PDB file of N, CA and C in Angstrom:
ATOM      1  N   MET A   1     -10.203 -10.388   6.695  1.00  0.00           N
ATOM      2  CA  MET A   1     -11.079 -11.290   5.990  1.00  0.00           C
ATOM      3  C   MET A   1     -11.132 -12.620   6.717  1.00  0.00           C
ATOM      4  N   LYS A   2      -9.955 -13.135   7.082  1.00  0.00           N
ATOM      5  CA  LYS A   2      -9.922 -14.433   7.752  1.00  0.00           C
ATOM      6  C   LYS A   2     -10.597 -14.352   9.118  1.00  0.00           C
ATOM      7  N   ARG A   3     -10.394 -13.229   9.813  1.00  0.00           N
ATOM      8  CA  ARG A   3     -11.003 -13.079  11.134  1.00  0.00           C
ATOM      9  C   ARG A   3     -12.518 -13.077  11.038  1.00  0.00           C
ATOM     10  N   ALA A   4     -13.046 -12.429  10.010  1.00  0.00           N
ATOM     11  CA  ALA A   4     -14.493 -12.369   9.842  1.00  0.00           C
ATOM     12  C   ALA A   4     -15.061 -13.755   9.558  1.00  0.00           C
ATOM     13  N   VAL A   5     -14.389 -14.522   8.697  1.00  0.00           N
ATOM     14  CA  VAL A   5     -14.858 -15.869   8.367  1.00  0.00           C
ATOM     15  C   VAL A   5     -14.794 -16.757   9.603  1.00  0.00           C
ATOM     16  N   VAL A   6     -13.709 -16.667  10.342  1.00  0.00           N
ATOM     17  CA  VAL A   6     -13.572 -17.487  11.553  1.00  0.00           C
ATOM     18  C   VAL A   6     -14.635 -17.094  12.570  1.00  0.00           C
ATOM     19  N   ALA A   7     -14.912 -15.796  12.699  1.00  0.00           N
ATOM     20  CA  ALA A   7     -15.927 -15.339  13.648  1.00  0.00           C
ATOM     21  C   ALA A   7     -17.310 -15.844  13.264  1.00  0.00           C
ATOM     22  N   ILE A   8     -17.628 -15.859  11.969  1.00  0.00           N
ATOM     23  CA  ILE A   8     -18.926 -16.358  11.507  1.00  0.00           C
ATOM     24  C   ILE A   8     -19.046 -17.854  11.764  1.00  0.00           C
ATOM     25  N   ILE A   9     -17.987 -18.592  11.495  1.00  0.00           N
ATOM     26  CA  ILE A   9     -18.018 -20.041  11.719  1.00  0.00           C
ATOM     27  C   ILE A   9     -18.154 -20.344  13.205  1.00  0.00           C
ATOM     28  N   VAL A  10     -17.416 -19.624  14.041  1.00  0.00           N
ATOM     29  CA  VAL A  10     -17.516 -19.839  15.496  1.00  0.00           C
ATOM     30  C   VAL A  10     -18.911 -19.490  15.981  1.00  0.00           C
ATOM     31  N   ALA A  11     -19.486 -18.386  15.495  1.00  0.00           N
ATOM     32  CA  ALA A  11     -20.834 -17.991  15.897  1.00  0.00           C
ATOM     33  C   ALA A  11     -21.858 -19.041  15.483  1.00  0.00           C
ATOM     34  N   ALA A  12     -21.742 -19.560  14.265  1.00  0.00           N
ATOM     35  CA  ALA A  12     -22.658 -20.604  13.805  1.00  0.00           C
ATOM     36  C   ALA A  12     -22.518 -21.864  14.662  1.00  0.00           C
ATOM     37  N   PHE A  13     -21.297 -22.199  15.027  1.00  0.00           N
ATOM     38  CA  PHE A  13     -21.076 -23.382  15.861  1.00  0.00           C
ATOM     39  C   PHE A  13     -21.684 -23.203  17.244  1.00  0.00           C
ATOM     40  N   VAL A  14     -21.487 -22.024  17.843  1.00  0.00           N
ATOM     41  CA  VAL A  14     -22.034 -21.757  19.182  1.00  0.00           C
ATOM     42  C   VAL A  14     -23.553 -21.777  19.155  1.00  0.00           C
ATOM     43  N   VAL A  15     -24.156 -21.179  18.135  1.00  0.00           N
ATOM     44  CA  VAL A  15     -25.619 -21.172  18.033  1.00  0.00           C
ATOM     45  C   VAL A  15     -26.151 -22.585  17.846  1.00  0.00           C
ATOM     46  N   SER A  16     -25.471 -23.402  17.056  1.00  0.00           N
ATOM     47  CA  SER A  16     -25.943 -24.771  16.841  1.00  0.00           C
ATOM     48  C   SER A  16     -25.822 -25.623  18.103  1.00  0.00           C
ATOM     49  N   ILE A  17     -24.834 -25.344  18.945  1.00  0.00           N
ATOM     50  CA  ILE A  17     -24.708 -26.102  20.198  1.00  0.00           C
ATOM     51  C   ILE A  17     -25.767 -25.668  21.200  1.00  0.00           C
ATOM     52  N   MET A  18     -26.086 -24.372  21.227  1.00  0.00           N
ATOM     53  CA  MET A  18     -27.035 -23.848  22.199  1.00  0.00           C
ATOM     54  C   MET A  18     -28.487 -24.181  21.848  1.00  0.00           C
ATOM     55  N   ALA A  19     -28.775 -24.542  20.611  1.00  0.00           N
ATOM     56  CA  ALA A  19     -30.151 -24.832  20.204  1.00  0.00           C
ATOM     57  C   ALA A  19     -30.658 -26.107  20.889  1.00  0.00           C
ATOM     58  N   GLN A  20     -31.925 -26.105  21.226  1.00  0.00           N
ATOM     59  CA  GLN A  20     -32.537 -27.270  21.880  1.00  0.00           C
ATOM     60  C   GLN A  20     -32.838 -28.336  20.828  1.00  0.00           C
ATOM     61  N   PRO A  21     -32.547 -29.591  21.115  1.00  0.00           N
ATOM     62  CA  PRO A  21     -32.855 -30.644  20.149  1.00  0.00           C
ATOM     63  C   PRO A  21     -34.363 -30.863  20.048  1.00  0.00           C
ATOM     64  N   ALA A  22     -34.814 -31.292  18.887  1.00  0.00           N
ATOM     65  CA  ALA A  22     -36.236 -31.571  18.675  1.00  0.00           C
ATOM     66  C   ALA A  22     -36.614 -32.868  19.383  1.00  0.00           C
ATOM     67  N   VAL A  23     -37.854 -32.949  19.830  1.00  0.00           N
ATOM     68  CA  VAL A  23     -38.278 -34.105  20.607  1.00  0.00           C
ATOM     69  C   VAL A  23     -39.104 -35.075  19.770  1.00  0.00           C
ATOM     70  N   ALA A  24     -39.678 -34.610  18.688  1.00  0.00           N
ATOM     71  CA  ALA A  24     -40.584 -35.456  17.916  1.00  0.00           C
ATOM     72  C   ALA A  24     -39.814 -36.387  17.004  1.00  0.00           C
ATOM     73  N   GLY A  25     -40.316 -37.607  16.843  1.00  0.00           N
ATOM     74  CA  GLY A  25     -39.768 -38.559  15.900  1.00  0.00           C
ATOM     75  C   GLY A  25     -38.619 -39.373  16.454  1.00  0.00           C
ATOM     76  N   CYS A  26     -38.104 -40.257  15.589  1.00  0.00           N
ATOM     77  CA  CYS A  26     -37.002 -41.139  15.963  1.00  0.00           C
ATOM     78  C   CYS A  26     -35.720 -40.323  16.092  1.00  0.00           C
ATOM     79  N   ARG A  27     -34.888 -40.751  17.010  1.00  0.00           N
ATOM     80  CA  ARG A  27     -33.661 -40.020  17.294  1.00  0.00           C
ATOM     81  C   ARG A  27     -32.668 -40.062  16.129  1.00  0.00           C
ATOM     82  N   HIS A  28     -32.608 -41.175  15.433  1.00  0.00           N
ATOM     83  CA  HIS A  28     -31.626 -41.359  14.353  1.00  0.00           C
ATOM     84  C   HIS A  28     -32.242 -41.187  12.969  1.00  0.00           C
ATOM     85  N   ARG A  29     -33.432 -40.617  12.894  1.00  0.00           N
ATOM     86  CA  ARG A  29     -34.156 -40.520  11.637  1.00  0.00           C
ATOM     87  C   ARG A  29     -33.393 -39.689  10.596  1.00  0.00           C
ATOM     88  N   HIS A  30     -32.879 -38.525  10.956  1.00  0.00           N
ATOM     89  CA  HIS A  30     -32.173 -37.660  10.006  1.00  0.00           C
ATOM     90  C   HIS A  30     -30.680 -37.571  10.335  1.00  0.00           C
ATOM     91  N   HIS A  31     -30.114 -38.641  10.793  1.00  0.00           N
ATOM     92  CA  HIS A  31     -28.714 -38.649  11.212  1.00  0.00           C
ATOM     93  C   HIS A  31     -27.764 -38.506  10.021  1.00  0.00           C
ATOM     94  N   HIS A  32     -27.957 -39.300   8.954  1.00  0.00           N
ATOM     95  CA  HIS A  32     -27.032 -39.295   7.815  1.00  0.00           C
ATOM     96  C   HIS A  32     -27.049 -37.981   7.030  1.00  0.00           C
ATOM     97  N   PRO A  33     -28.202 -37.379   6.747  1.00  0.00           N
ATOM     98  CA  PRO A  33     -28.152 -36.066   6.075  1.00  0.00           C
ATOM     99  C   PRO A  33     -27.477 -34.993   6.937  1.00  0.00           C
ATOM    100  N   GLY A  34     -27.641 -35.097   8.249  1.00  0.00           N
ATOM    101  CA  GLY A  34     -26.985 -34.138   9.141  1.00  0.00           C
ATOM    102  C   GLY A  34     -25.472 -34.273   9.087  1.00  0.00           C
ATOM    103  N   VAL A  35     -24.991 -35.511   9.038  1.00  0.00           N
ATOM    104  CA  VAL A  35     -23.544 -35.749   8.933  1.00  0.00           C
ATOM    105  C   VAL A  35     -23.029 -35.224   7.593  1.00  0.00           C
ATOM    106  N   ALA A  36     -23.794 -35.451   6.525  1.00  0.00           N
ATOM    107  CA  ALA A  36     -23.375 -34.970   5.203  1.00  0.00           C
ATOM    108  C   ALA A  36     -23.306 -33.442   5.183  1.00  0.00           C
ATOM    109  N   ILE A  37     -24.269 -32.783   5.803  1.00  0.00           N
ATOM    110  CA  ILE A  37     -24.248 -31.320   5.864  1.00  0.00           C
ATOM    111  C   ILE A  37     -23.046 -30.845   6.666  1.00  0.00           C
ATOM    112  N   GLY A  38     -22.735 -31.503   7.766  1.00  0.00           N
ATOM    113  CA  GLY A  38     -21.578 -31.132   8.583  1.00  0.00           C
ATOM    114  C   GLY A  38     -20.268 -31.290   7.831  1.00  0.00           C
ATOM    115  N   VAL A  39     -20.121 -32.417   7.117  1.00  0.00           N
ATOM    116  CA  VAL A  39     -18.888 -32.660   6.351  1.00  0.00           C
ATOM    117  C   VAL A  39     -18.761 -31.629   5.229  1.00  0.00           C
ATOM    118  N   GLY A  40     -19.885 -31.331   4.557  1.00  0.00           N
ATOM    119  CA  GLY A  40     -19.861 -30.322   3.495  1.00  0.00           C
ATOM    120  C   GLY A  40     -19.475 -28.955   4.029  1.00  0.00           C
ATOM    121  N   THR A  41     -19.976 -28.616   5.233  1.00  0.00           N
ATOM    122  CA  THR A  41     -19.630 -27.344   5.856  1.00  0.00           C
ATOM    123  C   THR A  41     -18.144 -27.277   6.176  1.00  0.00           C
ATOM    124  N   VAL A  42     -17.585 -28.369   6.640  1.00  0.00           N
ATOM    125  CA  VAL A  42     -16.149 -28.406   6.947  1.00  0.00           C
ATOM    126  C   VAL A  42     -15.328 -28.187   5.681  1.00  0.00           C
ATOM    127  N   PHE A  43     -15.692 -28.866   4.595  1.00  0.00           N
ATOM    128  CA  PHE A  43     -14.957 -28.691   3.340  1.00  0.00           C
ATOM    129  C   PHE A  43     -15.092 -27.267   2.806  1.00  0.00           C
ATOM    130  N   LEU A  44     -16.289 -26.717   2.862  1.00  0.00           N
ATOM    131  CA  LEU A  44     -16.508 -25.359   2.378  1.00  0.00           C
ATOM    132  C   LEU A  44     -15.751 -24.339   3.229  1.00  0.00           C
ATOM    133  N   GLY A  45     -15.788 -24.488   4.546  1.00  0.00           N
ATOM    134  CA  GLY A  45     -15.054 -23.583   5.432  1.00  0.00           C
ATOM    135  C   GLY A  45     -13.561 -23.666   5.207  1.00  0.00           C
ATOM    136  N   SER A  46     -13.049 -24.872   4.995  1.00  0.00           N
ATOM    137  CA  SER A  46     -11.623 -25.053   4.732  1.00  0.00           C
ATOM    138  C   SER A  46     -11.227 -24.387   3.414  1.00  0.00           C
ATOM    139  N   ALA A  47     -12.076 -24.531   2.404  1.00  0.00           N
ATOM    140  CA  ALA A  47     -11.770 -23.907   1.106  1.00  0.00           C
ATOM    141  C   ALA A  47     -11.764 -22.389   1.224  1.00  0.00           C
ATOM    142  N   ILE A  48     -12.697 -21.834   2.007  1.00  0.00           N
ATOM    143  CA  ILE A  48     -12.749 -20.377   2.173  1.00  0.00           C
ATOM    144  C   ILE A  48     -11.529 -19.881   2.938  1.00  0.00           C
ATOM    145  N   LEU A  49     -11.159 -20.583   4.013  1.00  0.00           N
ATOM    146  CA  LEU A  49     -10.021 -20.141   4.826  1.00  0.00           C
ATOM    147  C   LEU A  49      -8.696 -20.241   4.084  1.00  0.00           C
ATOM    148  N   HIS A  50      -8.553 -21.237   3.251  1.00  0.00           N
ATOM    149  CA  HIS A  50      -7.277 -21.448   2.570  1.00  0.00           C
ATOM    150  C   HIS A  50      -7.269 -20.908   1.144  1.00  0.00           C
ATOM    151  N   SER A  51      -8.269 -20.135   0.758  1.00  0.00           N
ATOM    152  CA  SER A  51      -8.308 -19.604  -0.607  1.00  0.00           C
ATOM    153  C   SER A  51      -7.207 -18.576  -0.841  1.00  0.00           C
ATOM    154  N   SER A  52      -6.767 -17.880   0.199  1.00  0.00           N
ATOM    155  CA  SER A  52      -5.711 -16.882   0.017  1.00  0.00           C
ATOM    156  C   SER A  52      -4.367 -17.535  -0.276  1.00  0.00           C
ATOM    157  N   HIS A  53      -4.196 -18.783   0.076  1.00  0.00           N
ATOM    158  CA  HIS A  53      -2.928 -19.476  -0.181  1.00  0.00           C
ATOM    159  C   HIS A  53      -2.835 -19.973  -1.622  1.00  0.00           C
ATOM    160  N   ALA A  54      -3.950 -19.900  -2.371  1.00  0.00           N
ATOM    161  CA  ALA A  54      -3.921 -20.366  -3.758  1.00  0.00           C
ATOM    162  C   ALA A  54      -3.001 -19.485  -4.603  1.00  0.00           C
ATOM    163  N   HIS A  55      -2.923 -18.225  -4.284  1.00  0.00           N
ATOM    164  CA  HIS A  55      -2.051 -17.315  -5.024  1.00  0.00           C
ATOM    165  C   HIS A  55      -0.753 -17.172  -4.238  1.00  0.00           C
ATOM    166  N   SER A  56       0.086 -18.150  -4.347  1.00  0.00           N
ATOM    167  CA  SER A  56       1.322 -18.111  -3.567  1.00  0.00           C
ATOM    168  C   SER A  56       2.260 -17.040  -4.103  1.00  0.00           C
ATOM    169  N   CYS A  57       3.123 -16.618  -3.251  1.00  0.00           N
ATOM    170  CA  CYS A  57       4.018 -15.510  -3.560  1.00  0.00           C
ATOM    171  C   CYS A  57       5.236 -15.954  -4.371  1.00  0.00           C
ATOM    172  N   HIS A  58       5.471 -17.226  -4.488  1.00  0.00           N
ATOM    173  CA  HIS A  58       6.706 -17.704  -5.110  1.00  0.00           C
ATOM    174  C   HIS A  58       6.821 -17.290  -6.575  1.00  0.00           C
ATOM    175  N   LYS A  59       5.705 -17.199  -7.283  1.00  0.00           N
ATOM    176  CA  LYS A  59       5.764 -16.864  -8.702  1.00  0.00           C
ATOM    177  C   LYS A  59       5.839 -15.356  -8.920  1.00  0.00           C
ATOM    178  N   HIS A  60       5.188 -14.579  -8.052  1.00  0.00           N
ATOM    179  CA  HIS A  60       5.008 -13.166  -8.322  1.00  0.00           C
ATOM    180  C   HIS A  60       5.909 -12.252  -7.500  1.00  0.00           C
ATOM    181  N   CYS A  61       6.489 -12.728  -6.444  1.00  0.00           N
ATOM    182  CA  CYS A  61       7.266 -11.851  -5.562  1.00  0.00           C
ATOM    183  C   CYS A  61       8.597 -11.465  -6.212  1.00  0.00           C
ATOM    184  N   ARG A  62       8.944 -10.215  -6.027  1.00  0.00           N
ATOM    185  CA  ARG A  62      10.243  -9.746  -6.491  1.00  0.00           C
ATOM    186  C   ARG A  62      11.157  -9.676  -5.280  1.00  0.00           C
ATOM    187  N   HIS A  63      12.409  -9.987  -5.493  1.00  0.00           N
ATOM    188  CA  HIS A  63      13.368  -9.910  -4.409  1.00  0.00           C
ATOM    189  C   HIS A  63      13.944  -8.503  -4.357  1.00  0.00           C
ATOM    190  N   GLY A  64      14.014  -7.953  -3.174  1.00  0.00           N
ATOM    191  CA  GLY A  64      14.533  -6.610  -2.994  1.00  0.00           C
ATOM    192  C   GLY A  64      13.899  -5.971  -1.775  1.00  0.00           C
ATOM    193  N   HIS A  65      14.027  -4.658  -1.700  1.00  0.00           N
ATOM    194  CA  HIS A  65      13.462  -3.941  -0.556  1.00  0.00           C
ATOM    195  C   HIS A  65      13.176  -2.497  -0.953  1.00  0.00           C
ATOM    196  N   TRP A  66      12.341  -1.844  -0.144  1.00  0.00           N
ATOM    197  CA  TRP A  66      12.042  -0.436  -0.344  1.00  0.00           C
ATOM    198  C   TRP A  66      13.077   0.398   0.379  1.00  0.00           C
ATOM    199  N   GLN A  67      13.471   1.491  -0.231  1.00  0.00           N
ATOM    200  CA  GLN A  67      14.425   2.394   0.384  1.00  0.00           C
ATOM    201  C   GLN A  67      13.870   3.812   0.267  1.00  0.00           C
ATOM    202  N   VAL A  68      13.985   4.580   1.336  1.00  0.00           N
ATOM    203  CA  VAL A  68      13.496   5.956   1.340  1.00  0.00           C
ATOM    204  C   VAL A  68      14.652   6.884   0.977  1.00  0.00           C
ATOM    205  N   LYS A  69      14.454   7.683  -0.077  1.00  0.00           N
ATOM    206  CA  LYS A  69      15.479   8.624  -0.512  1.00  0.00           C
ATOM    207  C   LYS A  69      14.907  10.031  -0.476  1.00  0.00           C
ATOM    208  N   LYS A  70      15.773  11.000  -0.176  1.00  0.00           N
ATOM    209  CA  LYS A  70      15.373  12.398  -0.198  1.00  0.00           C
ATOM    210  C   LYS A  70      15.622  12.948  -1.596  1.00  0.00           C
ATOM    211  N   VAL A  71      14.604  13.576  -2.160  1.00  0.00           N
ATOM    212  CA  VAL A  71      14.690  14.133  -3.505  1.00  0.00           C
ATOM    213  C   VAL A  71      14.410  15.633  -3.411  1.00  0.00           C
ATOM    214  N   TRP A  72      15.247  16.458  -4.067  1.00  0.00           N
ATOM    215  CA  TRP A  72      15.064  17.905  -4.047  1.00  0.00           C
ATOM    216  C   TRP A  72      14.064  18.299  -5.126  1.00  0.00           C
ATOM    217  N   VAL A  73      13.025  18.984  -4.724  1.00  0.00           N
ATOM    218  CA  VAL A  73      12.043  19.517  -5.665  1.00  0.00           C
ATOM    219  C   VAL A  73      12.374  20.995  -5.854  1.00  0.00           C
ATOM    220  N   PRO A  74      12.737  21.407  -7.067  1.00  0.00           N
ATOM    221  CA  PRO A  74      13.167  22.793  -7.277  1.00  0.00           C
ATOM    222  C   PRO A  74      12.007  23.775  -7.122  1.00  0.00           C
ATOM    223  N   PRO A  75      12.335  25.042  -6.854  1.00  0.00           N
ATOM    224  CA  PRO A  75      11.269  26.047  -6.716  1.00  0.00           C
ATOM    225  C   PRO A  75      10.554  26.281  -8.047  1.00  0.00           C
ATOM    226  N   VAL A  76       9.330  26.782  -7.949  1.00  0.00           N
ATOM    227  CA  VAL A  76       8.533  27.068  -9.141  1.00  0.00           C
ATOM    228  C   VAL A  76       8.494  28.582  -9.331  1.00  0.00           C
ATOM    229  N   TYR A  77       8.802  29.018 -10.554  1.00  0.00           N
ATOM    230  CA  TYR A  77       8.815  30.435 -10.884  1.00  0.00           C
ATOM    231  C   TYR A  77       7.711  30.749 -11.894  1.00  0.00           C
ATOM    232  N   ALA A  78       7.227  31.973 -11.850  1.00  0.00           N
ATOM    233  CA  ALA A  78       6.254  32.453 -12.831  1.00  0.00           C
ATOM    234  C   ALA A  78       6.809  33.722 -13.467  1.00  0.00           C
ATOM    235  N   LYS A  79       6.566  33.879 -14.777  1.00  0.00           N
ATOM    236  CA  LYS A  79       7.000  35.094 -15.472  1.00  0.00           C
ATOM    237  C   LYS A  79       5.924  36.157 -15.280  1.00  0.00           C
ATOM    238  N   VAL A  80       6.323  37.315 -14.785  1.00  0.00           N
ATOM    239  CA  VAL A  80       5.399  38.407 -14.519  1.00  0.00           C
ATOM    240  C   VAL A  80       5.856  39.632 -15.306  1.00  0.00           C
ATOM    241  N   TRP A  81       4.924  40.295 -15.982  1.00  0.00           N
ATOM    242  CA  TRP A  81       5.250  41.506 -16.732  1.00  0.00           C
ATOM    243  C   TRP A  81       5.236  42.704 -15.791  1.00  0.00           C
ATOM    244  N   VAL A  82       6.329  43.426 -15.769  1.00  0.00           N
ATOM    245  CA  VAL A  82       6.439  44.644 -14.971  1.00  0.00           C
ATOM    246  C   VAL A  82       6.346  45.810 -15.947  1.00  0.00           C
ATOM    247  N   PRO A  83       5.283  46.617 -15.860  1.00  0.00           N
ATOM    248  CA  PRO A  83       5.139  47.716 -16.820  1.00  0.00           C
ATOM    249  C   PRO A  83       6.200  48.805 -16.593  1.00  0.00           C
ATOM    250  N   GLY A  84       6.394  49.648 -17.599  1.00  0.00           N
ATOM    251  CA  GLY A  84       7.372  50.740 -17.501  1.00  0.00           C
ATOM    252  C   GLY A  84       7.027  51.693 -16.367  1.00  0.00           C
ATOM    253  N   HIS A  85       8.065  52.211 -15.703  1.00  0.00           N
ATOM    254  CA  HIS A  85       7.848  53.095 -14.553  1.00  0.00           C
ATOM    255  C   HIS A  85       9.121  53.914 -14.295  1.00  0.00           C
ATOM    256  N   TYR A  86       8.995  54.907 -13.429  1.00  0.00           N
ATOM    257  CA  TYR A  86      10.157  55.682 -13.000  1.00  0.00           C
ATOM    258  C   TYR A  86      10.716  55.053 -11.730  1.00  0.00           C
ATOM    259  N   ASN A  87      12.048  54.942 -11.640  1.00  0.00           N
ATOM    260  CA  ASN A  87      12.669  54.392 -10.420  1.00  0.00           C
ATOM    261  C   ASN A  87      12.847  55.494  -9.380  1.00  0.00           C
ATOM    262  N   ARG A  88      13.538  55.209  -8.284  1.00  0.00           N
ATOM    263  CA  ARG A  88      13.712  56.176  -7.193  1.00  0.00           C
ATOM    264  C   ARG A  88      14.546  57.403  -7.603  1.00  0.00           C
ATOM    265  N   LEU A  89      15.387  57.169  -8.566  1.00  0.00           N
ATOM    266  CA  LEU A  89      16.253  58.267  -9.014  1.00  0.00           C
ATOM    267  C   LEU A  89      15.570  59.127 -10.078  1.00  0.00           C
ATOM    268  N   GLY A  90      14.363  58.752 -10.442  1.00  0.00           N
ATOM    269  CA  GLY A  90      13.627  59.534 -11.432  1.00  0.00           C
ATOM    270  C   GLY A  90      13.925  59.145 -12.862  1.00  0.00           C
ATOM    271  N   LYS A  91      14.620  58.044 -13.103  1.00  0.00           N
ATOM    272  CA  LYS A  91      14.918  57.586 -14.458  1.00  0.00           C
ATOM    273  C   LYS A  91      13.828  56.609 -14.911  1.00  0.00           C
ATOM    274  N   TRP A  92      13.526  56.663 -16.200  1.00  0.00           N
ATOM    275  CA  TRP A  92      12.508  55.780 -16.765  1.00  0.00           C
ATOM    276  C   TRP A  92      13.064  54.372 -16.936  1.00  0.00           C
ATOM    277  N   VAL A  93      12.300  53.374 -16.456  1.00  0.00           N
ATOM    278  CA  VAL A  93      12.653  51.956 -16.622  1.00  0.00           C
ATOM    279  C   VAL A  93      11.597  51.359 -17.533  1.00  0.00           C
ATOM    280  N   PRO A  94      12.001  50.862 -18.729  1.00  0.00           N
ATOM    281  CA  PRO A  94      11.001  50.289 -19.643  1.00  0.00           C
ATOM    282  C   PRO A  94      10.422  48.986 -19.078  1.00  0.00           C
ATOM    283  N   GLY A  95       9.249  48.620 -19.580  1.00  0.00           N
ATOM    284  CA  GLY A  95       8.604  47.378 -19.127  1.00  0.00           C
ATOM    285  C   GLY A  95       9.450  46.153 -19.457  1.00  0.00           C
ATOM    286  N   HIS A  96       9.368  45.154 -18.608  1.00  0.00           N
ATOM    287  CA  HIS A  96      10.167  43.942 -18.810  1.00  0.00           C
ATOM    288  C   HIS A  96       9.529  42.766 -18.053  1.00  0.00           C
ATOM    289  N   TRP A  97       9.994  41.575 -18.387  1.00  0.00           N
ATOM    290  CA  TRP A  97       9.527  40.363 -17.708  1.00  0.00           C
ATOM    291  C   TRP A  97      10.449  40.067 -16.525  1.00  0.00           C
ATOM    292  N   GLU A  98       9.852  39.659 -15.398  1.00  0.00           N
ATOM    293  CA  GLU A  98      10.620  39.219 -14.225  1.00  0.00           C
ATOM    294  C   GLU A  98      10.108  37.844 -13.791  1.00  0.00           C
ATOM    295  N   ARG A  99      11.024  37.108 -13.196  1.00  0.00           N
ATOM    296  CA  ARG A  99      10.626  35.805 -12.637  1.00  0.00           C
ATOM    297  C   ARG A  99      10.294  35.998 -11.164  1.00  0.00           C
ATOM    298  N   SER A 100       9.069  35.642 -10.784  1.00  0.00           N
ATOM    299  CA  SER A 100       8.708  35.708  -9.365  1.00  0.00           C
ATOM    300  C   SER A 100       8.519  34.284  -8.852  1.00  0.00           C
ATOM    301  N   LYS A 101       8.929  34.071  -7.643  1.00  0.00           N
ATOM    302  CA  LYS A 101       8.892  32.729  -7.067  1.00  0.00           C
ATOM    303  C   LYS A 101       7.478  32.425  -6.574  1.00  0.00           C
ATOM    304  N   LYS A 102       6.869  31.337  -7.123  1.00  0.00           N
ATOM    305  CA  LYS A 102       5.530  30.919  -6.678  1.00  0.00           C
ATOM    306  C   LYS A 102       5.618  30.019  -5.460  1.00  0.00           C
ATOM    307  N   SER A 103       6.588  29.118  -5.462  1.00  0.00           N
ATOM    308  CA  SER A 103       6.793  28.240  -4.303  1.00  0.00           C
ATOM    309  C   SER A 103       8.284  27.985  -4.142  1.00  0.00           C
ATOM    310  N   THR A 104       8.698  27.806  -2.915  1.00  0.00           N
ATOM    311  CA  THR A 104      10.113  27.557  -2.642  1.00  0.00           C
ATOM    312  C   THR A 104      10.439  26.094  -2.884  1.00  0.00           C
ATOM    313  N   GLY A 105      11.709  25.813  -3.063  1.00  0.00           N
ATOM    314  CA  GLY A 105      12.139  24.436  -3.215  1.00  0.00           C
ATOM    315  C   GLY A 105      12.082  23.716  -1.875  1.00  0.00           C
ATOM    316  N   TYR A 106      11.955  22.393  -1.928  1.00  0.00           N
ATOM    317  CA  TYR A 106      11.870  21.613  -0.690  1.00  0.00           C
ATOM    318  C   TYR A 106      12.351  20.189  -0.932  1.00  0.00           C
ATOM    319  N   TRP A 107      12.670  19.517   0.160  1.00  0.00           N
ATOM    320  CA  TRP A 107      13.066  18.112   0.107  1.00  0.00           C
ATOM    321  C   TRP A 107      11.826  17.247   0.273  1.00  0.00           C
ATOM    322  N   LYS A 108      11.764  16.167  -0.496  1.00  0.00           N
ATOM    323  CA  LYS A 108      10.627  15.253  -0.438  1.00  0.00           C
ATOM    324  C   LYS A 108      11.162  13.836  -0.286  1.00  0.00           C
ATOM    325  N   LYS A 109      10.506  13.049   0.573  1.00  0.00           N
ATOM    326  CA  LYS A 109      10.914  11.651   0.742  1.00  0.00           C
ATOM    327  C   LYS A 109      10.141  10.784  -0.232  1.00  0.00           C
ATOM    328  N   GLU A 110      10.873   9.930  -0.962  1.00  0.00           N
ATOM    329  CA  GLU A 110      10.267   9.032  -1.931  1.00  0.00           C
ATOM    330  C   GLU A 110      10.676   7.608  -1.636  1.00  0.00           C
ATOM    331  N   LYS A 111       9.727   6.689  -1.772  1.00  0.00           N
ATOM    332  CA  LYS A 111      10.052   5.264  -1.631  1.00  0.00           C
ATOM    333  C   LYS A 111      10.507   4.738  -2.978  1.00  0.00           C
ATOM    334  N   ILE A 112      11.673   4.132  -3.000  1.00  0.00           N
ATOM    335  CA  ILE A 112      12.244   3.597  -4.235  1.00  0.00           C
ATOM    336  C   ILE A 112      12.512   2.105  -4.022  1.00  0.00           C
ATOM    337  N   TRP A 113      12.090   1.288  -5.002  1.00  0.00           N
ATOM    338  CA  TRP A 113      12.314  -0.153  -4.922  1.00  0.00           C
ATOM    339  C   TRP A 113      13.729  -0.483  -5.380  1.00  0.00           C
ATOM    340  N   VAL A 114      14.480  -1.152  -4.502  1.00  0.00           N
ATOM    341  CA  VAL A 114      15.843  -1.575  -4.832  1.00  0.00           C
ATOM    342  C   VAL A 114      15.797  -3.073  -5.041  1.00  0.00           C
ATOM    343  N   ALA A 115      16.051  -3.508  -6.271  1.00  0.00           N
ATOM    344  CA  ALA A 115      15.970  -4.925  -6.597  1.00  0.00           C
ATOM    345  C   ALA A 115      17.149  -5.675  -5.991  1.00  0.00           C
ATOM    346  N   GLY A 116      16.869  -6.876  -5.519  1.00  0.00           N
ATOM    347  CA  GLY A 116      17.917  -7.726  -4.963  1.00  0.00           C
ATOM    348  C   GLY A 116      18.327  -8.785  -5.961  1.00  0.00           C
ATOM    349  N   ARG A 117      19.373  -9.473  -5.655  1.00  0.00           N
ATOM    350  CA  ARG A 117      19.952 -10.558  -6.461  1.00  0.00           C
ATOM    351  C   ARG A 117      20.545 -10.086  -7.728  1.00  0.00           C
TER     352      ARG A 117
END
């Protein structure tokens, strides 16, 4: 944001220097309004550049730091109905519920705020 504002102000300044002065009329005819416009531009540019400092960090900042911790995420299981069937030995196995693994467990990195003071 600041770079864009500075670039616009620099571009406006360069264009104003490169422009040819007007030849008609008295040289000092519009001198005072021009100075007033320049001073107003300086005040406005200063207010825009320093507007981010209005919200100082002293009131809102918390003391501490971020810490990365590894957290174990357990596997996810689903209950699946297995209908009745004969096993390899030829014995009847009645229908029952089994847990099948949908996803394996894994380690995940999490940022945790550790308060200071």
